[in-house]
Amino acid sequence: MKKKIEIKNATEKDIRLILHFIKELADYEKLINDVIANEENLKKTLFGKTPYAKALLAFLNKKPVGFAIYFFNFSSFMGKPGIYIEDIYVKENYRGNGIGKAIFKYIGKIAKENDCGRIEWSVLNWNKPSINFYNSLGAKPMDEWTVYRLSGSALNNFIN
């Protein structure tokens, strides 16, 4: 049987599946205890009055096998929008079938349609399989940059 990969824009009815993939990704990244997302807040933030991000679903022979969440950002140096991929995940048993590459191509076409100057994402330093995959795409690490994060109690303490 020929493998048929399909990437589609997620809809509100896909919330349960999106949350399932978020939790699977978090488990893979050893960050499951950090997941506080739920169906209600995903519905509001992905499909509400002001959607903050967009979700894609990946299917192999009509079976859901992966997802991505991305949003538009902006580069003042380029004077153009960009896309930041917050999450990209393919179920472990389905890796190596071209699904991750298909997701990146889909996002690449969105970037081109919107005259984006770049696509960016982060990867955990220990995740060698993903790093090797990203290198195979021609992506380059931005080693001279360090990501900073202000969240949770640190954010609350800062603003209060």
C-alpha atoms as a PDB file:
ATOM      1  CA  MET A   1       0.000   0.000   0.000  1.00  0.00           C
ATOM      2  CA  LYS A   2       1.357   3.415  -0.989  1.00  0.00           C
ATOM      3  CA  LYS A   3       1.928   5.818   1.877  1.00  0.00           C
ATOM      4  CA  LYS A   4      -0.284   8.884   1.581  1.00  0.00           C
ATOM      5  CA  ILE A   5       0.774  11.832   3.745  1.00  0.00           C
ATOM      6  CA  GLU A   6      -1.732  14.631   4.252  1.00  0.00           C
ATOM      7  CA  ILE A   7      -1.196  17.855   6.189  1.00  0.00           C
ATOM      8  CA  LYS A   8      -4.274  19.896   7.066  1.00  0.00           C
ATOM      9  CA  ASN A   9      -5.168  22.968   9.053  1.00  0.00           C
ATOM     10  CA  ALA A  10      -6.692  21.937  12.368  1.00  0.00           C
ATOM     11  CA  THR A  11     -10.181  23.088  13.279  1.00  0.00           C
ATOM     12  CA  GLU A  12     -11.945  23.550  16.579  1.00  0.00           C
ATOM     13  CA  LYS A  13     -13.254  19.977  16.421  1.00  0.00           C
ATOM     14  CA  ASP A  14      -9.616  18.769  16.529  1.00  0.00           C
ATOM     15  CA  ILE A  15      -8.922  20.211  20.008  1.00  0.00           C
ATOM     16  CA  ARG A  16      -8.883  16.835  21.783  1.00  0.00           C
ATOM     17  CA  LEU A  17      -6.386  15.451  19.240  1.00  0.00           C
ATOM     18  CA  ILE A  18      -4.191  18.567  19.478  1.00  0.00           C
ATOM     19  CA  LEU A  19      -4.074  18.268  23.272  1.00  0.00           C
ATOM     20  CA  HIS A  20      -3.261  14.564  22.961  1.00  0.00           C
ATOM     21  CA  PHE A  21      -0.295  15.392  20.698  1.00  0.00           C
ATOM     22  CA  ILE A  22       0.864  18.195  23.019  1.00  0.00           C
ATOM     23  CA  LYS A  23       0.960  15.723  25.904  1.00  0.00           C
ATOM     24  CA  GLU A  24       2.742  13.088  23.800  1.00  0.00           C
ATOM     25  CA  LEU A  25       5.366  15.661  22.780  1.00  0.00           C
ATOM     26  CA  ALA A  26       5.788  16.794  26.385  1.00  0.00           C
ATOM     27  CA  ASP A  27       6.238  13.193  27.479  1.00  0.00           C
ATOM     28  CA  TYR A  28       8.867  12.633  24.753  1.00  0.00           C
ATOM     29  CA  GLU A  29      10.685  15.805  25.856  1.00  0.00           C
ATOM     30  CA  LYS A  30      10.481  14.737  29.530  1.00  0.00           C
ATOM     31  CA  LEU A  31       8.351  17.809  30.274  1.00  0.00           C
ATOM     32  CA  ILE A  32       4.923  16.250  30.868  1.00  0.00           C
ATOM     33  CA  ASN A  33       4.651  17.930  34.300  1.00  0.00           C
ATOM     34  CA  ASP A  34       4.868  21.318  32.575  1.00  0.00           C
ATOM     35  CA  VAL A  35       1.656  20.810  30.572  1.00  0.00           C
ATOM     36  CA  ILE A  36      -1.185  22.912  31.926  1.00  0.00           C
ATOM     37  CA  ALA A  37      -2.987  23.347  28.603  1.00  0.00           C
ATOM     38  CA  ASN A  38      -6.531  22.006  28.452  1.00  0.00           C
ATOM     39  CA  GLU A  39      -9.246  21.792  25.822  1.00  0.00           C
ATOM     40  CA  GLU A  40     -10.923  24.983  27.022  1.00  0.00           C
ATOM     41  CA  ASN A  41      -7.865  27.232  26.851  1.00  0.00           C
ATOM     42  CA  LEU A  42      -6.736  25.700  23.540  1.00  0.00           C
ATOM     43  CA  LYS A  43     -10.184  26.412  22.089  1.00  0.00           C
ATOM     44  CA  LYS A  44      -9.898  30.035  23.208  1.00  0.00           C
ATOM     45  CA  THR A  45      -6.276  30.610  22.148  1.00  0.00           C
ATOM     46  CA  LEU A  46      -6.274  28.681  18.864  1.00  0.00           C
ATOM     47  CA  PHE A  47      -9.836  29.251  17.628  1.00  0.00           C
ATOM     48  CA  GLY A  48     -11.298  32.084  19.721  1.00  0.00           C
ATOM     49  CA  LYS A  49     -11.893  35.752  18.964  1.00  0.00           C
ATOM     50  CA  THR A  50      -8.138  36.384  18.802  1.00  0.00           C
ATOM     51  CA  PRO A  51      -6.294  33.238  17.668  1.00  0.00           C
ATOM     52  CA  TYR A  52      -2.692  33.432  18.867  1.00  0.00           C
ATOM     53  CA  ALA A  53      -1.394  30.460  16.917  1.00  0.00           C
ATOM     54  CA  LYS A  54      -2.397  27.958  14.265  1.00  0.00           C
ATOM     55  CA  ALA A  55      -2.288  24.186  14.400  1.00  0.00           C
ATOM     56  CA  LEU A  56      -1.648  21.631  11.681  1.00  0.00           C
ATOM     57  CA  LEU A  57      -2.358  17.925  11.753  1.00  0.00           C
ATOM     58  CA  ALA A  58      -0.427  15.281   9.865  1.00  0.00           C
ATOM     59  CA  PHE A  59      -2.018  12.067   8.626  1.00  0.00           C
ATOM     60  CA  LEU A  60      -0.517   8.931   7.159  1.00  0.00           C
ATOM     61  CA  ASN A  61      -3.112   6.917   5.260  1.00  0.00           C
ATOM     62  CA  LYS A  62      -5.824   8.937   7.072  1.00  0.00           C
ATOM     63  CA  LYS A  63      -4.414   8.079  10.523  1.00  0.00           C
ATOM     64  CA  PRO A  64      -3.373  11.091  12.681  1.00  0.00           C
ATOM     65  CA  VAL A  65       0.369  10.763  13.291  1.00  0.00           C
ATOM     66  CA  GLY A  66       1.662  14.253  14.064  1.00  0.00           C
ATOM     67  CA  PHE A  67       1.044  17.943  14.507  1.00  0.00           C
ATOM     68  CA  ALA A  68       2.603  21.368  14.502  1.00  0.00           C
ATOM     69  CA  ILE A  69       1.712  24.654  16.152  1.00  0.00           C
ATOM     70  CA  TYR A  70       3.088  27.861  14.690  1.00  0.00           C
ATOM     71  CA  PHE A  71       2.546  31.601  14.783  1.00  0.00           C
ATOM     72  CA  PHE A  72       3.701  34.647  12.887  1.00  0.00           C
ATOM     73  CA  ASN A  73       6.372  36.866  14.363  1.00  0.00           C
ATOM     74  CA  PHE A  74       8.259  39.835  12.948  1.00  0.00           C
ATOM     75  CA  SER A  75      11.877  40.634  12.126  1.00  0.00           C
ATOM     76  CA  SER A  76      12.603  44.336  12.407  1.00  0.00           C
ATOM     77  CA  PHE A  77      15.984  43.807  10.713  1.00  0.00           C
ATOM     78  CA  MET A  78      14.312  42.189   7.691  1.00  0.00           C
ATOM     79  CA  GLY A  79      11.193  44.336   7.860  1.00  0.00           C
ATOM     80  CA  LYS A  80       9.182  41.165   7.243  1.00  0.00           C
ATOM     81  CA  PRO A  81       7.076  38.657   9.094  1.00  0.00           C
ATOM     82  CA  GLY A  82       8.419  35.258   9.969  1.00  0.00           C
ATOM     83  CA  ILE A  83       6.998  32.020  11.282  1.00  0.00           C
ATOM     84  CA  TYR A  84       7.931  30.510  14.614  1.00  0.00           C
ATOM     85  CA  ILE A  85       7.183  26.809  14.999  1.00  0.00           C
ATOM     86  CA  GLU A  86       6.275  26.319  18.641  1.00  0.00           C
ATOM     87  CA  ASP A  87       5.771  22.568  18.364  1.00  0.00           C
ATOM     88  CA  ILE A  88       6.367  19.938  15.728  1.00  0.00           C
ATOM     89  CA  TYR A  89       5.886  16.285  16.546  1.00  0.00           C
ATOM     90  CA  VAL A  90       5.547  12.987  14.719  1.00  0.00           C
ATOM     91  CA  LYS A  91       4.646   9.840  16.635  1.00  0.00           C
ATOM     92  CA  GLU A  92       7.770   7.749  17.156  1.00  0.00           C
ATOM     93  CA  ASN A  93       6.535   4.721  15.189  1.00  0.00           C
ATOM     94  CA  TYR A  94       5.914   6.899  12.103  1.00  0.00           C
ATOM     95  CA  ARG A  95       9.204   8.796  11.954  1.00  0.00           C
ATOM     96  CA  GLY A  96      11.282   8.234   8.839  1.00  0.00           C
ATOM     97  CA  ASN A  97       8.247   8.266   6.516  1.00  0.00           C
ATOM     98  CA  GLY A  98       8.664  11.873   5.343  1.00  0.00           C
ATOM     99  CA  ILE A  99       5.938  13.254   7.625  1.00  0.00           C
ATOM    100  CA  GLY A 100       8.149  15.805   9.389  1.00  0.00           C
ATOM    101  CA  LYS A 101       9.495  16.974   6.037  1.00  0.00           C
ATOM    102  CA  ALA A 102       5.913  17.285   4.731  1.00  0.00           C
ATOM    103  CA  ILE A 103       4.967  19.448   7.732  1.00  0.00           C
ATOM    104  CA  PHE A 104       7.978  21.710   7.143  1.00  0.00           C
ATOM    105  CA  LYS A 105       7.152  22.018   3.437  1.00  0.00           C
ATOM    106  CA  TYR A 106       3.549  22.921   4.272  1.00  0.00           C
ATOM    107  CA  ILE A 107       4.736  25.615   6.689  1.00  0.00           C
ATOM    108  CA  GLY A 108       7.306  26.733   4.107  1.00  0.00           C
ATOM    109  CA  LYS A 109       4.524  27.295   1.577  1.00  0.00           C
ATOM    110  CA  ILE A 110       2.594  29.328   4.165  1.00  0.00           C
ATOM    111  CA  ALA A 111       5.754  31.384   4.751  1.00  0.00           C
ATOM    112  CA  LYS A 112       6.165  31.992   1.021  1.00  0.00           C
ATOM    113  CA  GLU A 113       2.484  32.968   0.569  1.00  0.00           C
ATOM    114  CA  ASN A 114       2.886  35.516   3.394  1.00  0.00           C
ATOM    115  CA  ASP A 115       6.265  36.894   2.204  1.00  0.00           C
ATOM    116  CA  CYS A 116       7.976  35.701   5.383  1.00  0.00           C
ATOM    117  CA  GLY A 117      11.705  36.149   5.667  1.00  0.00           C
ATOM    118  CA  ARG A 118      12.361  33.071   7.791  1.00  0.00           C
ATOM    119  CA  ILE A 119      11.083  30.129   9.778  1.00  0.00           C
ATOM    120  CA  GLU A 120      12.510  29.462  13.226  1.00  0.00           C
ATOM    121  CA  TRP A 121      12.062  26.953  16.039  1.00  0.00           C
ATOM    122  CA  SER A 122      13.867  25.648  19.106  1.00  0.00           C
ATOM    123  CA  VAL A 123      15.173  22.171  19.881  1.00  0.00           C
ATOM    124  CA  LEU A 124      16.386  20.661  23.127  1.00  0.00           C
ATOM    125  CA  ASN A 125      20.171  20.181  23.066  1.00  0.00           C
ATOM    126  CA  TRP A 126      19.900  16.466  23.918  1.00  0.00           C
ATOM    127  CA  ASN A 127      17.454  15.725  21.069  1.00  0.00           C
ATOM    128  CA  LYS A 128      20.045  14.448  18.581  1.00  0.00           C
ATOM    129  CA  PRO A 129      17.538  12.703  16.247  1.00  0.00           C
ATOM    130  CA  SER A 130      15.668  15.986  15.736  1.00  0.00           C
ATOM    131  CA  ILE A 131      18.879  17.981  15.386  1.00  0.00           C
ATOM    132  CA  ASN A 132      20.087  15.556  12.711  1.00  0.00           C
ATOM    133  CA  PHE A 133      16.734  15.864  10.921  1.00  0.00           C
ATOM    134  CA  TYR A 134      16.834  19.679  11.009  1.00  0.00           C
ATOM    135  CA  ASN A 135      20.406  19.657   9.702  1.00  0.00           C
ATOM    136  CA  SER A 136      19.271  17.403   6.831  1.00  0.00           C
ATOM    137  CA  LEU A 137      16.738  20.080   5.863  1.00  0.00           C
ATOM    138  CA  GLY A 138      19.534  22.642   5.565  1.00  0.00           C
ATOM    139  CA  ALA A 139      18.532  24.466   8.770  1.00  0.00           C
ATOM    140  CA  LYS A 140      21.311  26.135  10.730  1.00  0.00           C
ATOM    141  CA  PRO A 141      21.547  26.404  14.532  1.00  0.00           C
ATOM    142  CA  MET A 142      21.652  29.899  15.974  1.00  0.00           C
ATOM    143  CA  ASP A 143      24.308  29.046  18.556  1.00  0.00           C
ATOM    144  CA  GLU A 144      25.216  32.651  19.291  1.00  0.00           C
ATOM    145  CA  TRP A 145      21.739  33.326  20.748  1.00  0.00           C
ATOM    146  CA  THR A 146      20.458  32.260  24.158  1.00  0.00           C
ATOM    147  CA  VAL A 147      16.726  31.945  24.710  1.00  0.00           C
ATOM    148  CA  TYR A 148      15.433  33.643  27.851  1.00  0.00           C
ATOM    149  CA  ARG A 149      12.078  32.960  29.437  1.00  0.00           C
ATOM    150  CA  LEU A 150      10.069  34.816  32.066  1.00  0.00           C
ATOM    151  CA  SER A 151       7.107  32.716  33.206  1.00  0.00           C
ATOM    152  CA  GLY A 152       5.139  31.409  36.170  1.00  0.00           C
ATOM    153  CA  SER A 153       6.027  32.861  39.564  1.00  0.00           C
ATOM    154  CA  ALA A 154       9.017  34.771  38.135  1.00  0.00           C
ATOM    155  CA  LEU A 155       6.693  36.579  35.730  1.00  0.00           C
ATOM    156  CA  ASN A 156       4.137  37.238  38.473  1.00  0.00           C
ATOM    157  CA  ASN A 157       6.822  38.534  40.832  1.00  0.00           C
ATOM    158  CA  PHE A 158       8.215  40.797  38.122  1.00  0.00           C
ATOM    159  CA  ILE A 159       4.912  42.444  37.186  1.00  0.00           C
ATOM    160  CA  ASN A 160       3.658  42.859  40.757  1.00  0.00           C
END
